[in-house]
Amino acid sequence: MPSPAGPIRGLTAGHLAAAPNLRRAPAMHTTTTTAATLDTPTAAGGTSAAWAAGSSLSAAETAFDLLTTEPAPLSLDCTDIDGLPAGPVPLPQVRAWLLAHPQAHGASDEVWRRLILAARLDGPAWVVATVGMAIPALAAMSRQLRDRFAEADPVDIDAELLTGLLEAVRDRVDRQAAGLLPTLRMTAWRAAWAMLTRDLDVEPRDDIDHTVPASRTPRPMVAHPDLLVWRAVELGVVDGEDADAWIDIRLGHKAPEPHAARMGISVDALRMRLGRADRALHTAIRAGALSDGAGPGERERHGTVAARRSGQRRRTAEAAAGRIARLLRQPAPATAIT
């Protein structure tokens, strides 16, 4: 089973079993203050699932239990989440509360929004925590698929469910969208379903070793959008510093948060820059400016526009830096003496 990339890369059952070591790197969502407690029907919100031996989901549940045991359970800051107490709440209690309130869609989305952000930016402990929060849903899907595909290996089913969930958490899910948990569930289900059904409609072909491949006409550049983007960078249609983010997010469906953090801008600012790149690419493609036949006049025009855009961005950054510097030079207000 291929391992997902990013902070989630290589998250196997062996790594999950070593979860106690992950405690040493608390995320930005953790705090040293005393966590609130919730009066929920089941304090842990557990699954009581009968896992197959060697199941990756069993390892994930064990790792989650280790990360969330007293005296210092991993907790989520639930401030401003309707129905949950402000401040840090132990994750098992958050999970139990969500299970007891299935109609609290707004609270569920906000919890998952924070979990996904932490998993993307705050290290392996929060990846394990996010998987653990989804264990009840994953266990239910595992049971359904095992019943439907009785001859399939339950370990393979659980592994594909976990892989699908991790890929969704890492890149596929837009944190700003509604219905985050159903989206995560569906992505995990599709991954397992594809594994279980991919060989059902395969038709064998005789003498495949003797089949002579036919020649093909080279694909036009428009069929290679990544090359098209880099050509746009050469012509000044798209800024070079935006190209990697555009390719990863628009073509690779990667999460925007790591790129925004690396570029030192907010996610909203990155989305605006990608939107401008979308419009610039659309205009250039329609005008034929990215084709091999683009003349020197077209190149010069795009170069002028790119230089103007770069200068405007530089002036905006310099103005912001100047405002910050002036604020830092202001004397502190005098304290009144009584």
C-alpha atoms as a PDB file:
ATOM      1  CA  MET A   1       0.000   0.000   0.000  1.00  0.00           C
ATOM      2  CA  PRO A   2       1.614   3.313  -1.033  1.00  0.00           C
ATOM      3  CA  SER A   3       2.143   5.789   1.751  1.00  0.00           C
ATOM      4  CA  PRO A   4       0.609   9.257   1.494  1.00  0.00           C
ATOM      5  CA  ALA A   5       2.920  12.237   1.309  1.00  0.00           C
ATOM      6  CA  GLY A   6       3.474  15.188   3.607  1.00  0.00           C
ATOM      7  CA  PRO A   7       3.329  14.884   7.398  1.00  0.00           C
ATOM      8  CA  ILE A   8       1.232  11.773   6.840  1.00  0.00           C
ATOM      9  CA  ARG A   9       3.875   9.971   4.747  1.00  0.00           C
ATOM     10  CA  GLY A  10       4.781   6.528   6.078  1.00  0.00           C
ATOM     11  CA  LEU A  11       2.063   6.395   8.721  1.00  0.00           C
ATOM     12  CA  THR A  12       1.878   2.622   9.158  1.00  0.00           C
ATOM     13  CA  ALA A  13       0.642   0.343  11.897  1.00  0.00           C
ATOM     14  CA  GLY A  14       4.160   0.284  13.311  1.00  0.00           C
ATOM     15  CA  HIS A  15       4.268   4.057  13.571  1.00  0.00           C
ATOM     16  CA  LEU A  16       0.809   4.133  15.097  1.00  0.00           C
ATOM     17  CA  ALA A  17       1.899   1.649  17.737  1.00  0.00           C
ATOM     18  CA  ALA A  18       4.636   4.086  18.767  1.00  0.00           C
ATOM     19  CA  ALA A  19       2.100   6.800  19.519  1.00  0.00           C
ATOM     20  CA  PRO A  20       3.257   7.526  23.113  1.00  0.00           C
ATOM     21  CA  ASN A  21       6.393   9.137  21.653  1.00  0.00           C
ATOM     22  CA  LEU A  22       4.230  11.574  19.697  1.00  0.00           C
ATOM     23  CA  ARG A  23       3.145  13.274  22.901  1.00  0.00           C
ATOM     24  CA  ARG A  24       6.430  15.141  23.065  1.00  0.00           C
ATOM     25  CA  ALA A  25       5.487  17.470  20.204  1.00  0.00           C
ATOM     26  CA  PRO A  26       2.235  19.191  21.215  1.00  0.00           C
ATOM     27  CA  ALA A  27       0.486  21.079  18.464  1.00  0.00           C
ATOM     28  CA  MET A  28      -0.693  24.652  18.382  1.00  0.00           C
ATOM     29  CA  HIS A  29      -4.158  23.420  19.350  1.00  0.00           C
ATOM     30  CA  THR A  30      -2.973  21.972  22.647  1.00  0.00           C
ATOM     31  CA  THR A  31      -2.591  23.839  25.875  1.00  0.00           C
ATOM     32  CA  THR A  32      -1.298  23.233  29.350  1.00  0.00           C
ATOM     33  CA  THR A  33      -4.435  24.471  31.069  1.00  0.00           C
ATOM     34  CA  THR A  34      -6.884  22.043  32.599  1.00  0.00           C
ATOM     35  CA  ALA A  35      -9.186  20.564  29.988  1.00  0.00           C
ATOM     36  CA  ALA A  36     -12.937  20.832  30.336  1.00  0.00           C
ATOM     37  CA  THR A  37     -15.059  17.742  30.805  1.00  0.00           C
ATOM     38  CA  LEU A  38     -18.314  16.880  29.102  1.00  0.00           C
ATOM     39  CA  ASP A  39     -21.273  14.964  30.448  1.00  0.00           C
ATOM     40  CA  THR A  40     -21.738  12.503  27.571  1.00  0.00           C
ATOM     41  CA  PRO A  41     -23.408   9.087  27.446  1.00  0.00           C
ATOM     42  CA  THR A  42     -20.068   7.391  26.657  1.00  0.00           C
ATOM     43  CA  ALA A  43     -17.045   9.235  27.870  1.00  0.00           C
ATOM     44  CA  ALA A  44     -14.688   7.792  25.303  1.00  0.00           C
ATOM     45  CA  GLY A  45     -17.031   7.522  22.354  1.00  0.00           C
ATOM     46  CA  GLY A  46     -15.408   4.199  21.528  1.00  0.00           C
ATOM     47  CA  THR A  47     -16.281   1.721  18.827  1.00  0.00           C
ATOM     48  CA  SER A  48     -16.009  -1.739  20.419  1.00  0.00           C
ATOM     49  CA  ALA A  49     -15.090  -2.937  16.911  1.00  0.00           C
ATOM     50  CA  ALA A  50     -13.902  -6.514  16.391  1.00  0.00           C
ATOM     51  CA  TRP A  51     -10.825  -5.789  14.294  1.00  0.00           C
ATOM     52  CA  ALA A  52      -9.026  -8.430  12.260  1.00  0.00           C
ATOM     53  CA  ALA A  53      -5.509  -9.315  13.392  1.00  0.00           C
ATOM     54  CA  GLY A  54      -3.060  -6.880  11.833  1.00  0.00           C
ATOM     55  CA  SER A  55      -5.706  -4.281  11.007  1.00  0.00           C
ATOM     56  CA  SER A  56      -4.299  -0.787  10.500  1.00  0.00           C
ATOM     57  CA  LEU A  57      -7.509   0.646  11.940  1.00  0.00           C
ATOM     58  CA  SER A  58      -6.982  -1.390  15.101  1.00  0.00           C
ATOM     59  CA  ALA A  59      -3.487   0.094  15.374  1.00  0.00           C
ATOM     60  CA  ALA A  60      -4.937   3.559  14.794  1.00  0.00           C
ATOM     61  CA  GLU A  61      -7.509   3.091  17.555  1.00  0.00           C
ATOM     62  CA  THR A  62      -4.805   1.879  19.958  1.00  0.00           C
ATOM     63  CA  ALA A  63      -2.604   4.852  19.101  1.00  0.00           C
ATOM     64  CA  PHE A  64      -5.507   7.252  19.628  1.00  0.00           C
ATOM     65  CA  ASP A  65      -6.234   5.704  23.033  1.00  0.00           C
ATOM     66  CA  LEU A  66      -2.591   6.123  24.053  1.00  0.00           C
ATOM     67  CA  LEU A  67      -2.512   9.750  22.945  1.00  0.00           C
ATOM     68  CA  THR A  68      -5.695  10.623  24.804  1.00  0.00           C
ATOM     69  CA  THR A  69      -5.249   8.904  28.162  1.00  0.00           C
ATOM     70  CA  GLU A  70      -4.892  10.748  31.439  1.00  0.00           C
ATOM     71  CA  PRO A  71      -3.142  12.578  32.963  1.00  0.00           C
ATOM     72  CA  ALA A  72      -2.405  14.631  29.815  1.00  0.00           C
ATOM     73  CA  PRO A  73      -4.857  13.659  27.075  1.00  0.00           C
ATOM     74  CA  LEU A  74      -4.494  15.356  23.704  1.00  0.00           C
ATOM     75  CA  SER A  75      -7.169  18.050  23.637  1.00  0.00           C
ATOM     76  CA  LEU A  76      -8.785  20.321  21.070  1.00  0.00           C
ATOM     77  CA  ASP A  77      -9.433  24.000  21.685  1.00  0.00           C
ATOM     78  CA  CYS A  78     -13.215  24.151  21.310  1.00  0.00           C
ATOM     79  CA  THR A  79     -13.577  27.884  21.876  1.00  0.00           C
ATOM     80  CA  ASP A  80     -16.439  29.327  19.785  1.00  0.00           C
ATOM     81  CA  ILE A  81     -17.813  25.892  18.843  1.00  0.00           C
ATOM     82  CA  ASP A  82     -21.517  25.860  19.627  1.00  0.00           C
ATOM     83  CA  GLY A  83     -22.440  23.233  22.225  1.00  0.00           C
ATOM     84  CA  LEU A  84     -18.889  22.546  23.390  1.00  0.00           C
ATOM     85  CA  PRO A  85     -17.187  24.291  26.316  1.00  0.00           C
ATOM     86  CA  ALA A  86     -14.618  26.968  25.585  1.00  0.00           C
ATOM     87  CA  GLY A  87     -10.997  25.970  25.908  1.00  0.00           C
ATOM     88  CA  PRO A  88      -9.294  22.580  25.564  1.00  0.00           C
ATOM     89  CA  VAL A  89     -11.513  19.499  25.628  1.00  0.00           C
ATOM     90  CA  PRO A  90     -10.019  15.962  25.564  1.00  0.00           C
ATOM     91  CA  LEU A  91     -10.522  14.433  22.136  1.00  0.00           C
ATOM     92  CA  PRO A  92     -12.404  11.314  23.358  1.00  0.00           C
ATOM     93  CA  GLN A  93     -14.997  13.601  24.949  1.00  0.00           C
ATOM     94  CA  VAL A  94     -15.276  15.662  21.769  1.00  0.00           C
ATOM     95  CA  ARG A  95     -15.787  12.459  19.788  1.00  0.00           C
ATOM     96  CA  ALA A  96     -18.402  11.179  22.230  1.00  0.00           C
ATOM     97  CA  TRP A  97     -20.238  14.519  22.125  1.00  0.00           C
ATOM     98  CA  LEU A  98     -20.334  14.473  18.317  1.00  0.00           C
ATOM     99  CA  LEU A  99     -21.662  10.899  18.333  1.00  0.00           C
ATOM    100  CA  ALA A 100     -24.363  11.924  20.816  1.00  0.00           C
ATOM    101  CA  HIS A 101     -25.333  14.989  18.719  1.00  0.00           C
ATOM    102  CA  PRO A 102     -25.476  13.792  15.093  1.00  0.00           C
ATOM    103  CA  GLN A 103     -27.561  16.812  14.056  1.00  0.00           C
ATOM    104  CA  ALA A 104     -24.972  19.343  15.260  1.00  0.00           C
ATOM    105  CA  HIS A 105     -23.656  19.843  11.732  1.00  0.00           C
ATOM    106  CA  GLY A 106     -22.129  23.259  12.348  1.00  0.00           C
ATOM    107  CA  ALA A 107     -20.206  22.100  15.406  1.00  0.00           C
ATOM    108  CA  SER A 108     -19.075  18.954  13.599  1.00  0.00           C
ATOM    109  CA  ASP A 109     -17.738  20.940  10.652  1.00  0.00           C
ATOM    110  CA  GLU A 110     -15.834  23.317  12.920  1.00  0.00           C
ATOM    111  CA  VAL A 111     -14.301  20.444  14.904  1.00  0.00           C
ATOM    112  CA  TRP A 112     -13.170  18.732  11.711  1.00  0.00           C
ATOM    113  CA  ARG A 113     -11.947  22.013  10.268  1.00  0.00           C
ATOM    114  CA  ARG A 114      -9.586  22.400  13.228  1.00  0.00           C
ATOM    115  CA  LEU A 115      -8.555  18.750  13.208  1.00  0.00           C
ATOM    116  CA  ILE A 116      -7.669  18.805   9.504  1.00  0.00           C
ATOM    117  CA  LEU A 117      -5.653  21.999   9.892  1.00  0.00           C
ATOM    118  CA  ALA A 118      -3.724  20.489  12.810  1.00  0.00           C
ATOM    119  CA  ALA A 119      -3.104  17.263  10.873  1.00  0.00           C
ATOM    120  CA  ARG A 120      -1.738  19.239   7.931  1.00  0.00           C
ATOM    121  CA  LEU A 121       0.508  21.574   9.874  1.00  0.00           C
ATOM    122  CA  ASP A 122       1.150  20.284  13.398  1.00  0.00           C
ATOM    123  CA  GLY A 123       2.783  16.900  13.003  1.00  0.00           C
ATOM    124  CA  PRO A 124       2.132  13.158  13.370  1.00  0.00           C
ATOM    125  CA  ALA A 125       0.322  13.289  16.713  1.00  0.00           C
ATOM    126  CA  TRP A 126      -2.509  15.242  15.131  1.00  0.00           C
ATOM    127  CA  VAL A 127      -2.623  12.921  12.139  1.00  0.00           C
ATOM    128  CA  VAL A 128      -3.162  10.018  14.548  1.00  0.00           C
ATOM    129  CA  ALA A 129      -5.702  12.087  16.484  1.00  0.00           C
ATOM    130  CA  THR A 130      -7.678  12.910  13.341  1.00  0.00           C
ATOM    131  CA  VAL A 131      -7.784   9.257  12.311  1.00  0.00           C
ATOM    132  CA  GLY A 132      -8.875   8.316  15.819  1.00  0.00           C
ATOM    133  CA  MET A 133     -11.723  10.809  15.716  1.00  0.00           C
ATOM    134  CA  ALA A 134     -12.957   9.095  12.537  1.00  0.00           C
ATOM    135  CA  ILE A 135     -12.655   5.537  13.898  1.00  0.00           C
ATOM    136  CA  PRO A 136     -16.411   5.113  14.616  1.00  0.00           C
ATOM    137  CA  ALA A 137     -17.236   5.962  10.985  1.00  0.00           C
ATOM    138  CA  LEU A 138     -14.383   3.830   9.641  1.00  0.00           C
ATOM    139  CA  ALA A 139     -15.440   0.866  11.798  1.00  0.00           C
ATOM    140  CA  ALA A 140     -19.002   1.043  10.472  1.00  0.00           C
ATOM    141  CA  MET A 141     -17.777   1.124   6.867  1.00  0.00           C
ATOM    142  CA  SER A 142     -15.377  -1.744   7.521  1.00  0.00           C
ATOM    143  CA  ARG A 143     -18.243  -3.902   8.800  1.00  0.00           C
ATOM    144  CA  GLN A 144     -20.421  -3.074   5.785  1.00  0.00           C
ATOM    145  CA  LEU A 145     -17.674  -3.884   3.287  1.00  0.00           C
ATOM    146  CA  ARG A 146     -16.715  -7.117   5.060  1.00  0.00           C
ATOM    147  CA  ASP A 147     -20.356  -8.231   4.924  1.00  0.00           C
ATOM    148  CA  ARG A 148     -20.634  -7.378   1.232  1.00  0.00           C
ATOM    149  CA  PHE A 149     -17.255  -8.796   0.167  1.00  0.00           C
ATOM    150  CA  ALA A 150     -17.023 -11.873   2.377  1.00  0.00           C
ATOM    151  CA  GLU A 151     -14.036 -13.310   0.486  1.00  0.00           C
ATOM    152  CA  ALA A 152     -11.943 -10.146   0.774  1.00  0.00           C
ATOM    153  CA  ASP A 153      -9.187  -9.837   3.360  1.00  0.00           C
ATOM    154  CA  PRO A 154     -10.450  -7.576   6.195  1.00  0.00           C
ATOM    155  CA  VAL A 155      -6.906  -6.277   6.682  1.00  0.00           C
ATOM    156  CA  ASP A 156      -6.864  -5.024   3.080  1.00  0.00           C
ATOM    157  CA  ILE A 157     -10.260  -3.383   3.515  1.00  0.00           C
ATOM    158  CA  ASP A 158      -9.135  -1.544   6.635  1.00  0.00           C
ATOM    159  CA  ALA A 159      -5.869  -0.500   4.988  1.00  0.00           C
ATOM    160  CA  GLU A 160      -7.689   1.029   2.010  1.00  0.00           C
ATOM    161  CA  LEU A 161     -10.172   2.822   4.256  1.00  0.00           C
ATOM    162  CA  LEU A 162      -7.271   4.313   6.204  1.00  0.00           C
ATOM    163  CA  THR A 163      -5.409   5.282   3.020  1.00  0.00           C
ATOM    164  CA  GLY A 164      -8.485   6.985   1.592  1.00  0.00           C
ATOM    165  CA  LEU A 165      -9.070   8.921   4.794  1.00  0.00           C
ATOM    166  CA  LEU A 166      -5.429  10.023   5.038  1.00  0.00           C
ATOM    167  CA  GLU A 167      -5.405  11.233   1.438  1.00  0.00           C
ATOM    168  CA  ALA A 168      -8.560  13.235   2.067  1.00  0.00           C
ATOM    169  CA  VAL A 169      -7.187  14.761   5.262  1.00  0.00           C
ATOM    170  CA  ARG A 170      -3.874  15.557   3.611  1.00  0.00           C
ATOM    171  CA  ASP A 171      -5.064  17.137   0.370  1.00  0.00           C
ATOM    172  CA  ARG A 172      -8.465  16.289  -0.998  1.00  0.00           C
ATOM    173  CA  VAL A 173     -10.805  18.072   1.380  1.00  0.00           C
ATOM    174  CA  ASP A 174     -11.473  21.799   1.288  1.00  0.00           C
ATOM    175  CA  ARG A 175     -11.577  22.841   4.945  1.00  0.00           C
ATOM    176  CA  GLN A 176     -13.980  25.669   4.184  1.00  0.00           C
ATOM    177  CA  ALA A 177     -16.622  23.364   2.718  1.00  0.00           C
ATOM    178  CA  ALA A 178     -19.620  22.060   4.641  1.00  0.00           C
ATOM    179  CA  GLY A 179     -20.187  18.404   5.487  1.00  0.00           C
ATOM    180  CA  LEU A 180     -16.550  17.593   6.206  1.00  0.00           C
ATOM    181  CA  LEU A 181     -17.092  14.262   7.969  1.00  0.00           C
ATOM    182  CA  PRO A 182     -19.420  12.904   5.238  1.00  0.00           C
ATOM    183  CA  THR A 183     -16.822  13.958   2.660  1.00  0.00           C
ATOM    184  CA  LEU A 184     -14.067  12.154   4.555  1.00  0.00           C
ATOM    185  CA  ARG A 185     -16.251   9.062   4.896  1.00  0.00           C
ATOM    186  CA  MET A 186     -17.073   9.029   1.190  1.00  0.00           C
ATOM    187  CA  THR A 187     -13.415   9.395   0.179  1.00  0.00           C
ATOM    188  CA  ALA A 188     -12.418   6.483   2.426  1.00  0.00           C
ATOM    189  CA  TRP A 189     -15.322   4.373   1.147  1.00  0.00           C
ATOM    190  CA  ARG A 190     -14.429   5.029  -2.500  1.00  0.00           C
ATOM    191  CA  ALA A 191     -10.805   4.026  -1.919  1.00  0.00           C
ATOM    192  CA  ALA A 192     -11.827   0.687  -0.403  1.00  0.00           C
ATOM    193  CA  TRP A 193     -14.566   0.137  -2.978  1.00  0.00           C
ATOM    194  CA  ALA A 194     -12.122   0.733  -5.849  1.00  0.00           C
ATOM    195  CA  MET A 195      -9.719  -1.826  -4.379  1.00  0.00           C
ATOM    196  CA  LEU A 196     -12.469  -4.412  -3.948  1.00  0.00           C
ATOM    197  CA  THR A 197     -14.003  -3.988  -7.417  1.00  0.00           C
ATOM    198  CA  ARG A 198     -11.101  -3.063  -9.692  1.00  0.00           C
ATOM    199  CA  ASP A 199     -10.591  -6.639 -10.958  1.00  0.00           C
ATOM    200  CA  LEU A 200     -14.250  -7.524 -11.506  1.00  0.00           C
ATOM    201  CA  ASP A 201     -14.540  -6.257 -15.099  1.00  0.00           C
ATOM    202  CA  VAL A 202     -11.052  -7.161 -16.390  1.00  0.00           C
ATOM    203  CA  GLU A 203     -11.105  -9.148 -19.633  1.00  0.00           C
ATOM    204  CA  PRO A 204      -7.958 -11.193 -20.438  1.00  0.00           C
ATOM    205  CA  ARG A 205      -6.294 -10.599 -23.783  1.00  0.00           C
ATOM    206  CA  ASP A 206      -4.478 -13.357 -25.681  1.00  0.00           C
ATOM    207  CA  ASP A 207      -0.877 -12.963 -26.800  1.00  0.00           C
ATOM    208  CA  ILE A 208      -0.433  -9.649 -25.028  1.00  0.00           C
ATOM    209  CA  ASP A 209       3.352 -10.145 -25.165  1.00  0.00           C
ATOM    210  CA  HIS A 210       3.221 -10.129 -28.958  1.00  0.00           C
ATOM    211  CA  THR A 211       1.122  -7.014 -29.309  1.00  0.00           C
ATOM    212  CA  VAL A 212       2.996  -4.346 -31.246  1.00  0.00           C
ATOM    213  CA  PRO A 213       2.392  -0.864 -29.857  1.00  0.00           C
ATOM    214  CA  ALA A 214       1.123   1.551 -32.465  1.00  0.00           C
ATOM    215  CA  SER A 215       2.770   4.907 -32.978  1.00  0.00           C
ATOM    216  CA  ARG A 216       1.029   7.926 -31.537  1.00  0.00           C
ATOM    217  CA  THR A 217       0.900  11.547 -32.491  1.00  0.00           C
ATOM    218  CA  PRO A 218       2.662  13.625 -29.823  1.00  0.00           C
ATOM    219  CA  ARG A 219       0.225  15.220 -27.427  1.00  0.00           C
ATOM    220  CA  PRO A 220      -0.185  18.975 -27.787  1.00  0.00           C
ATOM    221  CA  MET A 221       1.123  21.191 -25.010  1.00  0.00           C
ATOM    222  CA  VAL A 222      -2.428  21.883 -23.821  1.00  0.00           C
ATOM    223  CA  ALA A 223      -2.512  18.199 -22.797  1.00  0.00           C
ATOM    224  CA  HIS A 224       0.379  18.890 -20.405  1.00  0.00           C
ATOM    225  CA  PRO A 225      -0.987  21.644 -18.162  1.00  0.00           C
ATOM    226  CA  ASP A 226       2.102  21.714 -15.953  1.00  0.00           C
ATOM    227  CA  LEU A 227       4.290  22.535 -18.976  1.00  0.00           C
ATOM    228  CA  LEU A 228       1.733  25.111 -20.020  1.00  0.00           C
ATOM    229  CA  VAL A 229       2.029  26.814 -16.641  1.00  0.00           C
ATOM    230  CA  TRP A 230       5.816  26.955 -16.816  1.00  0.00           C
ATOM    231  CA  ARG A 231       5.590  28.407 -20.319  1.00  0.00           C
ATOM    232  CA  ALA A 232       3.247  31.013 -18.857  1.00  0.00           C
ATOM    233  CA  VAL A 233       5.915  31.766 -16.249  1.00  0.00           C
ATOM    234  CA  GLU A 234       8.525  32.231 -18.994  1.00  0.00           C
ATOM    235  CA  LEU A 235       6.246  34.698 -20.762  1.00  0.00           C
ATOM    236  CA  GLY A 236       5.398  36.535 -17.561  1.00  0.00           C
ATOM    237  CA  VAL A 237       1.727  35.546 -17.631  1.00  0.00           C
ATOM    238  CA  VAL A 238       2.028  33.909 -14.191  1.00  0.00           C
ATOM    239  CA  ASP A 239       4.465  34.808 -11.430  1.00  0.00           C
ATOM    240  CA  GLY A 240       7.111  32.160 -10.863  1.00  0.00           C
ATOM    241  CA  GLU A 241       6.554  32.157  -7.093  1.00  0.00           C
ATOM    242  CA  ASP A 242       2.909  31.200  -7.666  1.00  0.00           C
ATOM    243  CA  ALA A 243       3.565  28.427 -10.199  1.00  0.00           C
ATOM    244  CA  ASP A 244       4.465  25.637  -7.762  1.00  0.00           C
ATOM    245  CA  ALA A 245       1.436  26.390  -5.607  1.00  0.00           C
ATOM    246  CA  TRP A 246      -0.837  26.538  -8.665  1.00  0.00           C
ATOM    247  CA  ILE A 247       0.391  23.181  -9.987  1.00  0.00           C
ATOM    248  CA  ASP A 248       0.169  21.461  -6.594  1.00  0.00           C
ATOM    249  CA  ILE A 249      -3.244  22.856  -5.656  1.00  0.00           C
ATOM    250  CA  ARG A 250      -5.036  23.135  -8.997  1.00  0.00           C
ATOM    251  CA  LEU A 251      -3.573  20.057 -10.709  1.00  0.00           C
ATOM    252  CA  GLY A 252      -2.495  17.898  -7.778  1.00  0.00           C
ATOM    253  CA  HIS A 253      -5.453  18.803  -5.545  1.00  0.00           C
ATOM    254  CA  LYS A 254      -3.083  19.444  -2.652  1.00  0.00           C
ATOM    255  CA  ALA A 255      -4.037  21.363   0.479  1.00  0.00           C
ATOM    256  CA  PRO A 256      -3.352  25.130   0.355  1.00  0.00           C
ATOM    257  CA  GLU A 257      -2.303  25.547   3.995  1.00  0.00           C
ATOM    258  CA  PRO A 258       1.287  24.211   3.686  1.00  0.00           C
ATOM    259  CA  HIS A 259       1.948  26.397   0.637  1.00  0.00           C
ATOM    260  CA  ALA A 260       0.523  29.474   2.346  1.00  0.00           C
ATOM    261  CA  ALA A 261       2.664  28.836   5.431  1.00  0.00           C
ATOM    262  CA  ARG A 262       5.773  28.346   3.287  1.00  0.00           C
ATOM    263  CA  MET A 263       5.074  31.567   1.355  1.00  0.00           C
ATOM    264  CA  GLY A 264       4.370  33.531   4.532  1.00  0.00           C
ATOM    265  CA  ILE A 265       0.848  34.574   3.518  1.00  0.00           C
ATOM    266  CA  SER A 266      -2.664  33.683   4.610  1.00  0.00           C
ATOM    267  CA  VAL A 267      -4.684  30.983   2.878  1.00  0.00           C
ATOM    268  CA  ASP A 268      -7.149  33.632   1.683  1.00  0.00           C
ATOM    269  CA  ALA A 269      -4.312  35.646   0.145  1.00  0.00           C
ATOM    270  CA  LEU A 270      -3.019  32.531  -1.602  1.00  0.00           C
ATOM    271  CA  ARG A 271      -6.491  31.768  -2.959  1.00  0.00           C
ATOM    272  CA  MET A 272      -6.693  35.301  -4.376  1.00  0.00           C
ATOM    273  CA  ARG A 273      -3.303  34.920  -6.063  1.00  0.00           C
ATOM    274  CA  LEU A 274      -4.306  31.576  -7.554  1.00  0.00           C
ATOM    275  CA  GLY A 275      -7.552  33.124  -8.764  1.00  0.00           C
ATOM    276  CA  ARG A 276      -5.596  35.846 -10.584  1.00  0.00           C
ATOM    277  CA  ALA A 277      -3.377  33.149 -12.099  1.00  0.00           C
ATOM    278  CA  ASP A 278      -6.500  31.259 -13.241  1.00  0.00           C
ATOM    279  CA  ARG A 279      -7.814  34.318 -15.052  1.00  0.00           C
ATOM    280  CA  ALA A 280      -4.434  35.158 -16.582  1.00  0.00           C
ATOM    281  CA  LEU A 281      -3.975  31.604 -17.864  1.00  0.00           C
ATOM    282  CA  HIS A 282      -7.500  31.523 -19.267  1.00  0.00           C
ATOM    283  CA  THR A 283      -6.970  34.778 -21.150  1.00  0.00           C
ATOM    284  CA  ALA A 284      -3.549  33.727 -22.468  1.00  0.00           C
ATOM    285  CA  ILE A 285      -4.775  30.315 -23.651  1.00  0.00           C
ATOM    286  CA  ARG A 286      -7.765  31.809 -25.464  1.00  0.00           C
ATOM    287  CA  ALA A 287      -5.509  34.360 -27.144  1.00  0.00           C
ATOM    288  CA  GLY A 288      -3.049  31.666 -28.222  1.00  0.00           C
ATOM    289  CA  ALA A 289      -0.261  33.408 -26.329  1.00  0.00           C
ATOM    290  CA  LEU A 290       1.082  30.151 -24.896  1.00  0.00           C
ATOM    291  CA  SER A 291       1.390  28.371 -28.228  1.00  0.00           C
ATOM    292  CA  ASP A 292       4.731  27.858 -29.927  1.00  0.00           C
ATOM    293  CA  GLY A 293       3.757  30.485 -32.463  1.00  0.00           C
ATOM    294  CA  ALA A 294       3.589  33.364 -29.984  1.00  0.00           C
ATOM    295  CA  GLY A 295       5.612  36.219 -31.459  1.00  0.00           C
ATOM    296  CA  PRO A 296       8.112  38.581 -29.808  1.00  0.00           C
ATOM    297  CA  GLY A 297       5.479  41.298 -29.506  1.00  0.00           C
ATOM    298  CA  GLU A 298       3.252  39.027 -27.421  1.00  0.00           C
ATOM    299  CA  ARG A 299       6.210  38.045 -25.245  1.00  0.00           C
ATOM    300  CA  GLU A 300       7.148  41.678 -24.689  1.00  0.00           C
ATOM    301  CA  ARG A 301       3.597  42.622 -23.742  1.00  0.00           C
ATOM    302  CA  HIS A 302       3.340  39.837 -21.163  1.00  0.00           C
ATOM    303  CA  GLY A 303       6.788  40.722 -19.833  1.00  0.00           C
ATOM    304  CA  THR A 304       5.695  44.314 -19.308  1.00  0.00           C
ATOM    305  CA  VAL A 305       2.552  43.220 -17.471  1.00  0.00           C
ATOM    306  CA  ALA A 306       4.572  40.829 -15.288  1.00  0.00           C
ATOM    307  CA  ALA A 307       7.089  43.552 -14.399  1.00  0.00           C
ATOM    308  CA  ARG A 308       4.258  45.919 -13.482  1.00  0.00           C
ATOM    309  CA  ARG A 309       2.608  43.243 -11.329  1.00  0.00           C
ATOM    310  CA  SER A 310       5.890  42.413  -9.595  1.00  0.00           C
ATOM    311  CA  GLY A 311       6.561  46.086  -8.915  1.00  0.00           C
ATOM    312  CA  GLN A 312       3.094  46.594  -7.453  1.00  0.00           C
ATOM    313  CA  ARG A 313       3.530  43.594  -5.173  1.00  0.00           C
ATOM    314  CA  ARG A 314       6.931  44.881  -4.035  1.00  0.00           C
ATOM    315  CA  ARG A 315       5.558  48.361  -3.322  1.00  0.00           C
ATOM    316  CA  THR A 316       2.663  46.871  -1.337  1.00  0.00           C
ATOM    317  CA  ALA A 317       5.083  44.796   0.748  1.00  0.00           C
ATOM    318  CA  GLU A 318       7.345  47.810   1.339  1.00  0.00           C
ATOM    319  CA  ALA A 319       4.388  49.944   2.417  1.00  0.00           C
ATOM    320  CA  ALA A 320       3.231  47.266   4.862  1.00  0.00           C
ATOM    321  CA  ALA A 321       6.758  46.955   6.266  1.00  0.00           C
ATOM    322  CA  GLY A 322       6.914  50.742   6.667  1.00  0.00           C
ATOM    323  CA  ARG A 323       3.633  50.829   8.593  1.00  0.00           C
ATOM    324  CA  ILE A 324       4.865  48.101  10.929  1.00  0.00           C
ATOM    325  CA  ALA A 325       8.160  49.923  11.471  1.00  0.00           C
ATOM    326  CA  ARG A 326       6.345  53.160  12.352  1.00  0.00           C
ATOM    327  CA  LEU A 327       4.154  51.321  14.839  1.00  0.00           C
ATOM    328  CA  LEU A 328       7.223  49.813  16.489  1.00  0.00           C
ATOM    329  CA  ARG A 329       8.844  53.239  16.831  1.00  0.00           C
ATOM    330  CA  GLN A 330       5.839  54.753  18.609  1.00  0.00           C
ATOM    331  CA  PRO A 331       6.463  55.306  22.347  1.00  0.00           C
ATOM    332  CA  ALA A 332       4.419  53.256  24.766  1.00  0.00           C
ATOM    333  CA  PRO A 333       1.555  55.172  26.433  1.00  0.00           C
ATOM    334  CA  ALA A 334       2.492  56.638  29.800  1.00  0.00           C
ATOM    335  CA  THR A 335       1.032  54.922  32.845  1.00  0.00           C
ATOM    336  CA  ALA A 336      -1.083  57.224  34.966  1.00  0.00           C
ATOM    337  CA  ILE A 337       0.305  57.837  38.471  1.00  0.00           C
ATOM    338  CA  THR A 338      -2.264  58.070  41.232  1.00  0.00           C
END
